[in-house]
């Protein structure tokens, strides 16, 4: 959308972190990201012994885990969700919110309305 990915409001950007992406996904963290991770763990789609690598005091997805997560994420984003505008894929909802944020940045008199689960 032509915005600087390193300039954000909620997160601090670095040369390795495009903070605007973190800002824009924040309102979708619980309904999309957290719920997907919970689903994958509860349904045992990911396995702690085979899909993760433990290094430098952290736990990270390995190639197998990333493939499983990304496949599930893409499927989740294609699912339709009911909005004020009718049913639309979650990708479209995310793009709509990015455009609304951009409009707010260039015209702050128009308030930004974040996505709300209910």
PDB file of N, CA and C in Angstrom:
ATOM      1  N   UNK A   1       0.809  -1.207   0.000  1.00  0.00           N
ATOM      2  CA  UNK A   1       0.000   0.000   0.000  1.00  0.00           C
ATOM      3  C   UNK A   1       0.848   1.266   0.000  1.00  0.00           C
ATOM      4  N   UNK A   2       2.158   1.125  -0.129  1.00  0.00           N
ATOM      5  CA  UNK A   2       3.012   2.294  -0.224  1.00  0.00           C
ATOM      6  C   UNK A   2       3.421   2.907   1.104  1.00  0.00           C
ATOM      7  N   UNK A   3       3.143   2.249   2.206  1.00  0.00           N
ATOM      8  CA  UNK A   3       3.539   2.759   3.516  1.00  0.00           C
ATOM      9  C   UNK A   3       4.943   2.262   3.865  1.00  0.00           C
ATOM     10  N   UNK A   4       5.644   2.989   4.707  1.00  0.00           N
ATOM     11  CA  UNK A   4       6.974   2.581   5.157  1.00  0.00           C
ATOM     12  C   UNK A   4       6.816   1.444   6.166  1.00  0.00           C
ATOM     13  N   UNK A   5       7.278   0.238   5.848  1.00  0.00           N
ATOM     14  CA  UNK A   5       7.066  -0.903   6.743  1.00  0.00           C
ATOM     15  C   UNK A   5       7.834  -0.816   8.056  1.00  0.00           C
ATOM     16  N   UNK A   6       8.780   0.117   8.164  1.00  0.00           N
ATOM     17  CA  UNK A   6       9.574   0.243   9.383  1.00  0.00           C
ATOM     18  C   UNK A   6       9.052   1.327  10.316  1.00  0.00           C
ATOM     19  N   UNK A   7       8.103   2.139   9.872  1.00  0.00           N
ATOM     20  CA  UNK A   7       7.500   3.183  10.710  1.00  0.00           C
ATOM     21  C   UNK A   7       6.167   2.669  11.234  1.00  0.00           C
ATOM     22  N   UNK A   8       6.057   2.606  12.554  1.00  0.00           N
ATOM     23  CA  UNK A   8       4.855   2.044  13.152  1.00  0.00           C
ATOM     24  C   UNK A   8       4.452   2.837  14.388  1.00  0.00           C
ATOM     25  N   UNK A   9       3.321   2.489  14.949  1.00  0.00           N
ATOM     26  CA  UNK A   9       2.807   3.176  16.136  1.00  0.00           C
ATOM     27  C   UNK A   9       2.986   2.354  17.409  1.00  0.00           C
ATOM     28  N   UNK A  10       2.837   1.040  17.311  1.00  0.00           N
ATOM     29  CA  UNK A  10       2.857   0.173  18.490  1.00  0.00           C
ATOM     30  C   UNK A  10       4.180  -0.558  18.691  1.00  0.00           C
ATOM     31  N   UNK A  11       4.872  -0.880  17.609  1.00  0.00           N
ATOM     32  CA  UNK A  11       6.112  -1.651  17.667  1.00  0.00           C
ATOM     33  C   UNK A  11       7.274  -0.812  17.147  1.00  0.00           C
ATOM     34  N   UNK A  12       8.454  -1.093  17.652  1.00  0.00           N
ATOM     35  CA  UNK A  12       9.646  -0.382  17.216  1.00  0.00           C
ATOM     36  C   UNK A  12      10.331  -1.183  16.111  1.00  0.00           C
ATOM     37  N   UNK A  13      10.610  -0.514  15.010  1.00  0.00           N
ATOM     38  CA  UNK A  13      11.263  -1.172  13.890  1.00  0.00           C
ATOM     39  C   UNK A  13      12.771  -1.206  14.035  1.00  0.00           C
ATOM     40  N   UNK A  14      13.377  -2.198  13.424  1.00  0.00           N
ATOM     41  CA  UNK A  14      14.827  -2.305  13.331  1.00  0.00           C
ATOM     42  C   UNK A  14      15.138  -2.691  11.895  1.00  0.00           C
ATOM     43  N   UNK A  15      16.425  -2.812  11.581  1.00  0.00           N
ATOM     44  CA  UNK A  15      16.766  -3.198  10.205  1.00  0.00           C
ATOM     45  C   UNK A  15      16.285  -4.608   9.874  1.00  0.00           C
ATOM     46  N   UNK A  16      15.977  -5.406  10.902  1.00  0.00           N
ATOM     47  CA  UNK A  16      15.504  -6.772  10.680  1.00  0.00           C
ATOM     48  C   UNK A  16      14.025  -6.943  10.990  1.00  0.00           C
ATOM     49  N   UNK A  17      13.361  -5.890  11.427  1.00  0.00           N
ATOM     50  CA  UNK A  17      11.951  -6.014  11.806  1.00  0.00           C
ATOM     51  C   UNK A  17      11.128  -4.879  11.215  1.00  0.00           C
ATOM     52  N   UNK A  18      10.245  -5.238  10.293  1.00  0.00           N
ATOM     53  CA  UNK A  18       9.323  -4.263   9.711  1.00  0.00           C
ATOM     54  C   UNK A  18       8.149  -4.105  10.681  1.00  0.00           C
ATOM     55  N   UNK A  19       8.244  -3.142  11.561  1.00  0.00           N
ATOM     56  CA  UNK A  19       7.312  -2.986  12.676  1.00  0.00           C
ATOM     57  C   UNK A  19       5.878  -2.721  12.241  1.00  0.00           C
ATOM     58  N   UNK A  20       5.672  -2.094  11.093  1.00  0.00           N
ATOM     59  CA  UNK A  20       4.305  -1.817  10.651  1.00  0.00           C
ATOM     60  C   UNK A  20       3.518  -3.103  10.448  1.00  0.00           C
ATOM     61  N   UNK A  21       4.174  -4.146   9.955  1.00  0.00           N
ATOM     62  CA  UNK A  21       3.499  -5.437   9.790  1.00  0.00           C
ATOM     63  C   UNK A  21       3.012  -5.957  11.141  1.00  0.00           C
ATOM     64  N   UNK A  22       3.836  -5.801  12.174  1.00  0.00           N
ATOM     65  CA  UNK A  22       3.424  -6.224  13.516  1.00  0.00           C
ATOM     66  C   UNK A  22       2.252  -5.383  14.013  1.00  0.00           C
ATOM     67  N   UNK A  23       2.285  -4.083  13.765  1.00  0.00           N
ATOM     68  CA  UNK A  23       1.167  -3.212  14.155  1.00  0.00           C
ATOM     69  C   UNK A  23      -0.132  -3.651  13.476  1.00  0.00           C
ATOM     70  N   UNK A  24      -0.058  -3.871  12.173  1.00  0.00           N
ATOM     71  CA  UNK A  24      -1.271  -4.152  11.413  1.00  0.00           C
ATOM     72  C   UNK A  24      -1.855  -5.525  11.726  1.00  0.00           C
ATOM     73  N   UNK A  25      -1.020  -6.493  12.088  1.00  0.00           N
ATOM     74  CA  UNK A  25      -1.533  -7.822  12.404  1.00  0.00           C
ATOM     75  C   UNK A  25      -2.060  -7.901  13.840  1.00  0.00           C
ATOM     76  N   UNK A  26      -1.706  -6.922  14.669  1.00  0.00           N
ATOM     77  CA  UNK A  26      -2.054  -6.971  16.092  1.00  0.00           C
ATOM     78  C   UNK A  26      -3.548  -7.191  16.332  1.00  0.00           C
ATOM     79  N   UNK A  27      -4.392  -6.486  15.607  1.00  0.00           N
ATOM     80  CA  UNK A  27      -5.830  -6.635  15.846  1.00  0.00           C
ATOM     81  C   UNK A  27      -6.367  -7.985  15.371  1.00  0.00           C
ATOM     82  N   UNK A  28      -5.554  -8.716  14.604  1.00  0.00           N
ATOM     83  CA  UNK A  28      -5.960 -10.044  14.119  1.00  0.00           C
ATOM     84  C   UNK A  28      -5.261 -11.170  14.865  1.00  0.00           C
ATOM     85  N   UNK A  29      -4.415 -10.813  15.831  1.00  0.00           N
ATOM     86  CA  UNK A  29      -3.622 -11.832  16.536  1.00  0.00           C
ATOM     87  C   UNK A  29      -4.519 -12.892  17.178  1.00  0.00           C
ATOM     88  N   UNK A  30      -5.472 -12.511  17.982  1.00  0.00           N
ATOM     89  CA  UNK A  30      -6.324 -13.492  18.668  1.00  0.00           C
ATOM     90  C   UNK A  30      -7.241 -14.253  17.700  1.00  0.00           C
ATOM     91  N   UNK A  31      -7.998 -13.545  16.838  1.00  0.00           N
ATOM     92  CA  UNK A  31      -8.946 -14.301  16.002  1.00  0.00           C
ATOM     93  C   UNK A  31      -8.307 -15.140  14.900  1.00  0.00           C
ATOM     94  N   UNK A  32      -7.104 -14.828  14.472  1.00  0.00           N
ATOM     95  CA  UNK A  32      -6.498 -15.596  13.380  1.00  0.00           C
ATOM     96  C   UNK A  32      -5.278 -16.375  13.858  1.00  0.00           C
ATOM     97  N   UNK A  33      -4.274 -15.700  14.365  1.00  0.00           N
ATOM     98  CA  UNK A  33      -2.999 -16.339  14.683  1.00  0.00           C
ATOM     99  C   UNK A  33      -3.106 -17.208  15.932  1.00  0.00           C
ATOM    100  N   UNK A  34      -3.521 -16.638  17.049  1.00  0.00           N
ATOM    101  CA  UNK A  34      -3.588 -17.408  18.295  1.00  0.00           C
ATOM    102  C   UNK A  34      -4.554 -18.585  18.178  1.00  0.00           C
ATOM    103  N   UNK A  35      -5.701 -18.360  17.557  1.00  0.00           N
ATOM    104  CA  UNK A  35      -6.664 -19.459  17.428  1.00  0.00           C
ATOM    105  C   UNK A  35      -6.127 -20.565  16.517  1.00  0.00           C
ATOM    106  N   UNK A  36      -5.354 -20.211  15.505  1.00  0.00           N
ATOM    107  CA  UNK A  36      -4.757 -21.223  14.625  1.00  0.00           C
ATOM    108  C   UNK A  36      -3.715 -22.044  15.372  1.00  0.00           C
ATOM    109  N   UNK A  37      -2.853 -21.391  16.134  1.00  0.00           N
ATOM    110  CA  UNK A  37      -1.832 -22.106  16.899  1.00  0.00           C
ATOM    111  C   UNK A  37      -2.495 -23.048  17.911  1.00  0.00           C
ATOM    112  N   UNK A  38      -3.509 -22.558  18.612  1.00  0.00           N
ATOM    113  CA  UNK A  38      -4.234 -23.390  19.576  1.00  0.00           C
ATOM    114  C   UNK A  38      -4.853 -24.596  18.887  1.00  0.00           C
ATOM    115  N   UNK A  39      -5.464 -24.382  17.740  1.00  0.00           N
ATOM    116  CA  UNK A  39      -6.075 -25.470  16.956  1.00  0.00           C
ATOM    117  C   UNK A  39      -5.019 -26.514  16.573  1.00  0.00           C
ATOM    118  N   UNK A  40      -3.877 -26.062  16.052  1.00  0.00           N
ATOM    119  CA  UNK A  40      -2.832 -26.993  15.607  1.00  0.00           C
ATOM    120  C   UNK A  40      -2.268 -27.807  16.770  1.00  0.00           C
ATOM    121  N   UNK A  41      -2.120 -27.189  17.917  1.00  0.00           N
ATOM    122  CA  UNK A  41      -1.602 -27.897  19.085  1.00  0.00           C
ATOM    123  C   UNK A  41      -2.652 -28.863  19.633  1.00  0.00           C
ATOM    124  N   UNK A  42      -3.880 -28.399  19.806  1.00  0.00           N
ATOM    125  CA  UNK A  42      -4.932 -29.247  20.380  1.00  0.00           C
ATOM    126  C   UNK A  42      -5.269 -30.446  19.499  1.00  0.00           C
ATOM    127  N   UNK A  43      -5.180 -30.289  18.197  1.00  0.00           N
ATOM    128  CA  UNK A  43      -5.484 -31.387  17.261  1.00  0.00           C
ATOM    129  C   UNK A  43      -4.241 -32.230  16.946  1.00  0.00           C
ATOM    130  N   UNK A  44      -3.134 -31.864  17.583  1.00  0.00           N
ATOM    131  CA  UNK A  44      -1.865 -32.582  17.421  1.00  0.00           C
ATOM    132  C   UNK A  44      -1.369 -32.618  15.974  1.00  0.00           C
ATOM    133  N   UNK A  45      -1.596 -31.520  15.251  1.00  0.00           N
ATOM    134  CA  UNK A  45      -1.063 -31.396  13.890  1.00  0.00           C
ATOM    135  C   UNK A  45       0.435 -31.127  13.931  1.00  0.00           C
ATOM    136  N   UNK A  46       0.888 -30.478  15.006  1.00  0.00           N
ATOM    137  CA  UNK A  46       2.314 -30.249  15.182  1.00  0.00           C
ATOM    138  C   UNK A  46       2.793 -31.118  16.346  1.00  0.00           C
ATOM    139  N   UNK A  47       4.029 -31.562  16.244  1.00  0.00           N
ATOM    140  CA  UNK A  47       4.595 -32.474  17.223  1.00  0.00           C
ATOM    141  C   UNK A  47       5.862 -31.855  17.822  1.00  0.00           C
ATOM    142  N   UNK A  48       5.910 -31.771  19.147  1.00  0.00           N
ATOM    143  CA  UNK A  48       7.045 -31.121  19.813  1.00  0.00           C
ATOM    144  C   UNK A  48       8.369 -31.803  19.481  1.00  0.00           C
ATOM    145  N   UNK A  49       8.353 -33.089  19.258  1.00  0.00           N
ATOM    146  CA  UNK A  49       9.585 -33.807  18.979  1.00  0.00           C
ATOM    147  C   UNK A  49      10.054 -33.717  17.546  1.00  0.00           C
ATOM    148  N   UNK A  50       9.126 -33.537  16.611  1.00  0.00           N
ATOM    149  CA  UNK A  50       9.483 -33.575  15.188  1.00  0.00           C
ATOM    150  C   UNK A  50       9.392 -32.242  14.460  1.00  0.00           C
ATOM    151  N   UNK A  51       8.649 -31.290  14.996  1.00  0.00           N
ATOM    152  CA  UNK A  51       8.385 -30.050  14.258  1.00  0.00           C
ATOM    153  C   UNK A  51       9.071 -28.816  14.832  1.00  0.00           C
ATOM    154  N   UNK A  52       9.907 -29.015  15.844  1.00  0.00           N
ATOM    155  CA  UNK A  52      10.581 -27.886  16.481  1.00  0.00           C
ATOM    156  C   UNK A  52      12.060 -28.165  16.649  1.00  0.00           C
ATOM    157  N   UNK A  53      12.829 -27.113  16.732  1.00  0.00           N
ATOM    158  CA  UNK A  53      14.245 -27.196  17.061  1.00  0.00           C
ATOM    159  C   UNK A  53      14.466 -26.274  18.257  1.00  0.00           C
ATOM    160  N   UNK A  54      15.281 -26.716  19.180  1.00  0.00           N
ATOM    161  CA  UNK A  54      15.557 -25.956  20.391  1.00  0.00           C
ATOM    162  C   UNK A  54      17.001 -25.487  20.329  1.00  0.00           C
ATOM    163  N   UNK A  55      17.200 -24.160  20.307  1.00  0.00           N
ATOM    164  CA  UNK A  55      18.558 -23.623  20.262  1.00  0.00           C
ATOM    165  C   UNK A  55      18.583 -22.219  20.858  1.00  0.00           C
ATOM    166  N   UNK A  56      19.737 -21.852  21.388  1.00  0.00           N
ATOM    167  CA  UNK A  56      19.946 -20.521  21.964  1.00  0.00           C
ATOM    168  C   UNK A  56      18.866 -20.143  22.974  1.00  0.00           C
ATOM    169  N   UNK A  57      18.395 -21.113  23.736  1.00  0.00           N
ATOM    170  CA  UNK A  57      17.388 -20.859  24.754  1.00  0.00           C
ATOM    171  C   UNK A  57      15.985 -20.664  24.206  1.00  0.00           C
ATOM    172  N   UNK A  58      15.779 -20.933  22.913  1.00  0.00           N
ATOM    173  CA  UNK A  58      14.459 -20.749  22.309  1.00  0.00           C
ATOM    174  C   UNK A  58      13.942 -22.009  21.647  1.00  0.00           C
ATOM    175  N   UNK A  59      12.714 -21.972  21.265  1.00  0.00           N
ATOM    176  CA  UNK A  59      12.044 -23.070  20.582  1.00  0.00           C
ATOM    177  C   UNK A  59      11.503 -22.515  19.268  1.00  0.00           C
ATOM    178  N   UNK A  60      11.920 -23.120  18.151  1.00  0.00           N
ATOM    179  CA  UNK A  60      11.581 -22.594  16.832  1.00  0.00           C
ATOM    180  C   UNK A  60      11.019 -23.697  15.946  1.00  0.00           C
ATOM    181  N   UNK A  61      10.100 -23.341  15.045  1.00  0.00           N
ATOM    182  CA  UNK A  61       9.621 -24.311  14.065  1.00  0.00           C
ATOM    183  C   UNK A  61      10.771 -24.705  13.141  1.00  0.00           C
ATOM    184  N   UNK A  62      10.872 -25.988  12.849  1.00  0.00           N
ATOM    185  CA  UNK A  62      11.843 -26.428  11.852  1.00  0.00           C
ATOM    186  C   UNK A  62      11.133 -26.455  10.493  1.00  0.00           C
ATOM    187  N   UNK A  63      11.780 -26.969   9.460  1.00  0.00           N
ATOM    188  CA  UNK A  63      11.175 -26.977   8.118  1.00  0.00           C
ATOM    189  C   UNK A  63       9.839 -27.709   8.098  1.00  0.00           C
ATOM    190  N   UNK A  64       9.769 -28.847   8.760  1.00  0.00           N
ATOM    191  CA  UNK A  64       8.528 -29.622   8.809  1.00  0.00           C
ATOM    192  C   UNK A  64       7.417 -28.826   9.501  1.00  0.00           C
ATOM    193  N   UNK A  65       7.742 -28.235  10.640  1.00  0.00           N
ATOM    194  CA  UNK A  65       6.762 -27.443  11.387  1.00  0.00           C
ATOM    195  C   UNK A  65       6.299 -26.222  10.612  1.00  0.00           C
ATOM    196  N   UNK A  66       7.246 -25.545   9.926  1.00  0.00           N
ATOM    197  CA  UNK A  66       6.877 -24.367   9.120  1.00  0.00           C
ATOM    198  C   UNK A  66       5.934 -24.751   7.983  1.00  0.00           C
ATOM    199  N   UNK A  67       6.212 -25.866   7.332  1.00  0.00           N
ATOM    200  CA  UNK A  67       5.321 -26.316   6.244  1.00  0.00           C
ATOM    201  C   UNK A  67       3.910 -26.550   6.764  1.00  0.00           C
ATOM    202  N   UNK A  68       3.800 -27.226   7.893  1.00  0.00           N
ATOM    203  CA  UNK A  68       2.481 -27.512   8.481  1.00  0.00           C
ATOM    204  C   UNK A  68       1.764 -26.211   8.867  1.00  0.00           C
ATOM    205  N   UNK A  69       2.510 -25.318   9.522  1.00  0.00           N
ATOM    206  CA  UNK A  69       1.905 -24.059   9.965  1.00  0.00           C
ATOM    207  C   UNK A  69       1.463 -23.219   8.769  1.00  0.00           C
ATOM    208  N   UNK A  70       2.336 -23.049   7.788  1.00  0.00           N
ATOM    209  CA  UNK A  70       2.005 -22.199   6.637  1.00  0.00           C
ATOM    210  C   UNK A  70       0.843 -22.767   5.833  1.00  0.00           C
ATOM    211  N   UNK A  71       0.787 -24.082   5.680  1.00  0.00           N
ATOM    212  CA  UNK A  71      -0.346 -24.708   4.975  1.00  0.00           C
ATOM    213  C   UNK A  71      -1.652 -24.399   5.717  1.00  0.00           C
ATOM    214  N   UNK A  72      -1.644 -24.588   7.033  1.00  0.00           N
ATOM    215  CA  UNK A  72      -2.842 -24.310   7.833  1.00  0.00           C
ATOM    216  C   UNK A  72      -3.191 -22.822   7.817  1.00  0.00           C
ATOM    217  N   UNK A  73      -2.177 -21.956   7.855  1.00  0.00           N
ATOM    218  CA  UNK A  73      -2.408 -20.510   7.827  1.00  0.00           C
ATOM    219  C   UNK A  73      -3.071 -20.098   6.518  1.00  0.00           C
ATOM    220  N   UNK A  74      -2.562 -20.592   5.395  1.00  0.00           N
ATOM    221  CA  UNK A  74      -3.146 -20.243   4.096  1.00  0.00           C
ATOM    222  C   UNK A  74      -4.585 -20.726   4.000  1.00  0.00           C
ATOM    223  N   UNK A  75      -4.850 -21.922   4.492  1.00  0.00           N
ATOM    224  CA  UNK A  75      -6.231 -22.431   4.495  1.00  0.00           C
ATOM    225  C   UNK A  75      -7.124 -21.549   5.361  1.00  0.00           C
ATOM    226  N   UNK A  76      -6.629 -21.141   6.520  1.00  0.00           N
ATOM    227  CA  UNK A  76      -7.403 -20.292   7.431  1.00  0.00           C
ATOM    228  C   UNK A  76      -7.717 -18.943   6.797  1.00  0.00           C
ATOM    229  N   UNK A  77      -6.756 -18.375   6.056  1.00  0.00           N
ATOM    230  CA  UNK A  77      -6.957 -17.067   5.446  1.00  0.00           C
ATOM    231  C   UNK A  77      -7.925 -17.118   4.266  1.00  0.00           C
ATOM    232  N   UNK A  78      -8.116 -18.295   3.676  1.00  0.00           N
ATOM    233  CA  UNK A  78      -9.086 -18.441   2.587  1.00  0.00           C
ATOM    234  C   UNK A  78     -10.511 -18.598   3.111  1.00  0.00           C
ATOM    235  N   UNK A  79     -10.668 -18.956   4.385  1.00  0.00           N
ATOM    236  CA  UNK A  79     -11.999 -19.109   4.969  1.00  0.00           C
ATOM    237  C   UNK A  79     -12.735 -17.776   4.921  1.00  0.00           C
ATOM    238  N   UNK A  80     -14.041 -17.855   4.686  1.00  0.00           N
ATOM    239  CA  UNK A  80     -14.841 -16.627   4.655  1.00  0.00           C
ATOM    240  C   UNK A  80     -15.321 -16.279   6.054  1.00  0.00           C
ATOM    241  N   UNK A  81     -15.423 -14.994   6.273  1.00  0.00           N
ATOM    242  CA  UNK A  81     -15.874 -14.471   7.558  1.00  0.00           C
ATOM    243  C   UNK A  81     -16.987 -13.463   7.299  1.00  0.00           C
ATOM    244  N   UNK A  82     -17.959 -13.432   8.174  1.00  0.00           N
ATOM    245  CA  UNK A  82     -19.074 -12.492   8.047  1.00  0.00           C
ATOM    246  C   UNK A  82     -18.649 -11.138   8.594  1.00  0.00           C
ATOM    247  N   UNK A  83     -18.783 -10.102   7.783  1.00  0.00           N
ATOM    248  CA  UNK A  83     -18.452  -8.736   8.195  1.00  0.00           C
ATOM    249  C   UNK A  83     -19.634  -7.829   7.887  1.00  0.00           C
ATOM    250  N   UNK A  84     -19.483  -6.547   8.204  1.00  0.00           N
ATOM    251  CA  UNK A  84     -20.525  -5.577   7.882  1.00  0.00           C
ATOM    252  C   UNK A  84     -20.767  -5.512   6.377  1.00  0.00           C
ATOM    253  N   UNK A  85     -19.735  -5.846   5.593  1.00  0.00           N
ATOM    254  CA  UNK A  85     -19.825  -5.805   4.131  1.00  0.00           C
ATOM    255  C   UNK A  85     -20.297  -7.122   3.536  1.00  0.00           C
ATOM    256  N   UNK A  86     -20.642  -8.097   4.373  1.00  0.00           N
ATOM    257  CA  UNK A  86     -21.030  -9.420   3.895  1.00  0.00           C
ATOM    258  C   UNK A  86     -19.896 -10.409   4.117  1.00  0.00           C
ATOM    259  N   UNK A  87     -20.015 -11.579   3.499  1.00  0.00           N
ATOM    260  CA  UNK A  87     -18.975 -12.595   3.647  1.00  0.00           C
ATOM    261  C   UNK A  87     -17.792 -12.279   2.752  1.00  0.00           C
ATOM    262  N   UNK A  88     -16.597 -12.488   3.303  1.00  0.00           N
ATOM    263  CA  UNK A  88     -15.381 -12.266   2.524  1.00  0.00           C
ATOM    264  C   UNK A  88     -14.258 -13.100   3.116  1.00  0.00           C
ATOM    265  N   UNK A  89     -13.275 -13.501   2.281  1.00  0.00           N
ATOM    266  CA  UNK A  89     -12.124 -14.233   2.824  1.00  0.00           C
ATOM    267  C   UNK A  89     -11.363 -13.354   3.812  1.00  0.00           C
ATOM    268  N   UNK A  90     -10.691 -13.989   4.745  1.00  0.00           N
ATOM    269  CA  UNK A  90      -9.932 -13.235   5.745  1.00  0.00           C
ATOM    270  C   UNK A  90      -8.831 -12.399   5.106  1.00  0.00           C
ATOM    271  N   UNK A  91      -8.283 -12.849   3.961  1.00  0.00           N
ATOM    272  CA  UNK A  91      -7.288 -12.040   3.237  1.00  0.00           C
ATOM    273  C   UNK A  91      -7.871 -10.675   2.897  1.00  0.00           C
ATOM    274  N   UNK A  92      -9.112 -10.684   2.393  1.00  0.00           N
ATOM    275  CA  UNK A  92      -9.752  -9.437   1.984  1.00  0.00           C
ATOM    276  C   UNK A  92      -9.986  -8.518   3.180  1.00  0.00           C
ATOM    277  N   UNK A  93     -10.373  -9.107   4.298  1.00  0.00           N
ATOM    278  CA  UNK A  93     -10.584  -8.324   5.508  1.00  0.00           C
ATOM    279  C   UNK A  93      -9.285  -7.653   5.945  1.00  0.00           C
ATOM    280  N   UNK A  94      -8.194  -8.395   5.902  1.00  0.00           N
ATOM    281  CA  UNK A  94      -6.894  -7.837   6.267  1.00  0.00           C
ATOM    282  C   UNK A  94      -6.513  -6.694   5.325  1.00  0.00           C
ATOM    283  N   UNK A  95      -6.686  -6.886   4.028  1.00  0.00           N
ATOM    284  CA  UNK A  95      -6.387  -5.820   3.057  1.00  0.00           C
ATOM    285  C   UNK A  95      -7.266  -4.593   3.275  1.00  0.00           C
ATOM    286  N   UNK A  96      -8.512  -4.816   3.585  1.00  0.00           N
ATOM    287  CA  UNK A  96      -9.454  -3.715   3.849  1.00  0.00           C
ATOM    288  C   UNK A  96      -8.977  -2.890   5.048  1.00  0.00           C
ATOM    289  N   UNK A  97      -8.512  -3.561   6.103  1.00  0.00           N
ATOM    290  CA  UNK A  97      -8.040  -2.848   7.286  1.00  0.00           C
ATOM    291  C   UNK A  97      -6.747  -2.088   6.990  1.00  0.00           C
ATOM    292  N   UNK A  98      -5.881  -2.644   6.164  1.00  0.00           N
ATOM    293  CA  UNK A  98      -4.641  -1.946   5.792  1.00  0.00           C
ATOM    294  C   UNK A  98      -4.977  -0.671   5.023  1.00  0.00           C
ATOM    295  N   UNK A  99      -5.932  -0.752   4.118  1.00  0.00           N
ATOM    296  CA  UNK A  99      -6.350   0.435   3.368  1.00  0.00           C
ATOM    297  C   UNK A  99      -6.962   1.481   4.301  1.00  0.00           C
ATOM    298  N   UNK A 100      -7.741   1.042   5.288  1.00  0.00           N
ATOM    299  CA  UNK A 100      -8.339   1.976   6.252  1.00  0.00           C
ATOM    300  C   UNK A 100      -7.250   2.648   7.092  1.00  0.00           C
ATOM    301  N   UNK A 101      -6.229   1.882   7.466  1.00  0.00           N
ATOM    302  CA  UNK A 101      -5.108   2.449   8.220  1.00  0.00           C
ATOM    303  C   UNK A 101      -4.377   3.484   7.368  1.00  0.00           C
ATOM    304  N   UNK A 102      -4.139   3.157   6.112  1.00  0.00           N
ATOM    305  CA  UNK A 102      -3.448   4.090   5.210  1.00  0.00           C
ATOM    306  C   UNK A 102      -4.255   5.383   5.070  1.00  0.00           C
ATOM    307  N   UNK A 103      -5.558   5.259   4.942  1.00  0.00           N
ATOM    308  CA  UNK A 103      -6.405   6.441   4.832  1.00  0.00           C
ATOM    309  C   UNK A 103      -6.279   7.293   6.099  1.00  0.00           C
ATOM    310  N   UNK A 104      -6.227   6.634   7.255  1.00  0.00           N
ATOM    311  CA  UNK A 104      -6.066   7.360   8.513  1.00  0.00           C
ATOM    312  C   UNK A 104      -4.719   8.084   8.569  1.00  0.00           C
ATOM    313  N   UNK A 105      -3.642   7.424   8.113  1.00  0.00           N
ATOM    314  CA  UNK A 105      -2.307   8.035   8.142  1.00  0.00           C
ATOM    315  C   UNK A 105      -2.292   9.312   7.314  1.00  0.00           C
ATOM    316  N   UNK A 106      -2.914   9.271   6.148  1.00  0.00           N
ATOM    317  CA  UNK A 106      -2.892  10.436   5.259  1.00  0.00           C
ATOM    318  C   UNK A 106      -3.990  11.453   5.570  1.00  0.00           C
ATOM    319  N   UNK A 107      -4.992  11.040   6.331  1.00  0.00           N
ATOM    320  CA  UNK A 107      -6.075  11.945   6.688  1.00  0.00           C
ATOM    321  C   UNK A 107      -6.525  11.625   8.118  1.00  0.00           C
ATOM    322  N   UNK A 108      -5.778  12.071   9.128  1.00  0.00           N
ATOM    323  CA  UNK A 108      -6.064  11.696  10.516  1.00  0.00           C
ATOM    324  C   UNK A 108      -7.402  12.192  11.053  1.00  0.00           C
ATOM    325  N   UNK A 109      -8.094  13.057  10.323  1.00  0.00           N
ATOM    326  CA  UNK A 109      -9.409  13.476  10.795  1.00  0.00           C
ATOM    327  C   UNK A 109     -10.420  12.345  10.635  1.00  0.00           C
ATOM    328  N   UNK A 110     -10.134  11.399   9.736  1.00  0.00           N
ATOM    329  CA  UNK A 110     -10.974  10.208   9.578  1.00  0.00           C
ATOM    330  C   UNK A 110     -10.448   9.152  10.543  1.00  0.00           C
ATOM    331  N   UNK A 111     -11.190   8.834  11.588  1.00  0.00           N
ATOM    332  CA  UNK A 111     -10.726   7.897  12.602  1.00  0.00           C
ATOM    333  C   UNK A 111     -10.574   6.489  12.030  1.00  0.00           C
ATOM    334  N   UNK A 112      -9.604   5.765  12.546  1.00  0.00           N
ATOM    335  CA  UNK A 112      -9.376   4.375  12.165  1.00  0.00           C
ATOM    336  C   UNK A 112     -10.260   3.492  13.036  1.00  0.00           C
ATOM    337  N   UNK A 113     -11.019   2.620  12.406  1.00  0.00           N
ATOM    338  CA  UNK A 113     -11.886   1.696  13.148  1.00  0.00           C
ATOM    339  C   UNK A 113     -11.272   0.301  13.063  1.00  0.00           C
ATOM    340  N   UNK A 114     -10.713  -0.191  14.176  1.00  0.00           N
ATOM    341  CA  UNK A 114     -10.080  -1.512  14.155  1.00  0.00           C
ATOM    342  C   UNK A 114     -11.108  -2.627  14.002  1.00  0.00           C
ATOM    343  N   UNK A 115     -10.650  -3.746  13.503  1.00  0.00           N
ATOM    344  CA  UNK A 115     -11.501  -4.924  13.390  1.00  0.00           C
ATOM    345  C   UNK A 115     -11.805  -5.438  14.792  1.00  0.00           C
ATOM    346  N   UNK A 116     -13.064  -5.755  15.038  1.00  0.00           N
ATOM    347  CA  UNK A 116     -13.460  -6.317  16.329  1.00  0.00           C
ATOM    348  C   UNK A 116     -14.080  -7.681  16.080  1.00  0.00           C
ATOM    349  N   UNK A 117     -13.714  -8.647  16.914  1.00  0.00           N
ATOM    350  CA  UNK A 117     -14.203 -10.014  16.746  1.00  0.00           C
ATOM    351  C   UNK A 117     -15.725 -10.049  16.792  1.00  0.00           C
ATOM    352  N   UNK A 118     -16.293  -9.358  17.729  1.00  0.00           N
ATOM    353  CA  UNK A 118     -17.766  -9.344  17.850  1.00  0.00           C
ATOM    354  C   UNK A 118     -18.233  -7.916  17.900  1.00  0.00           C
TER     355      UNK A 118
END
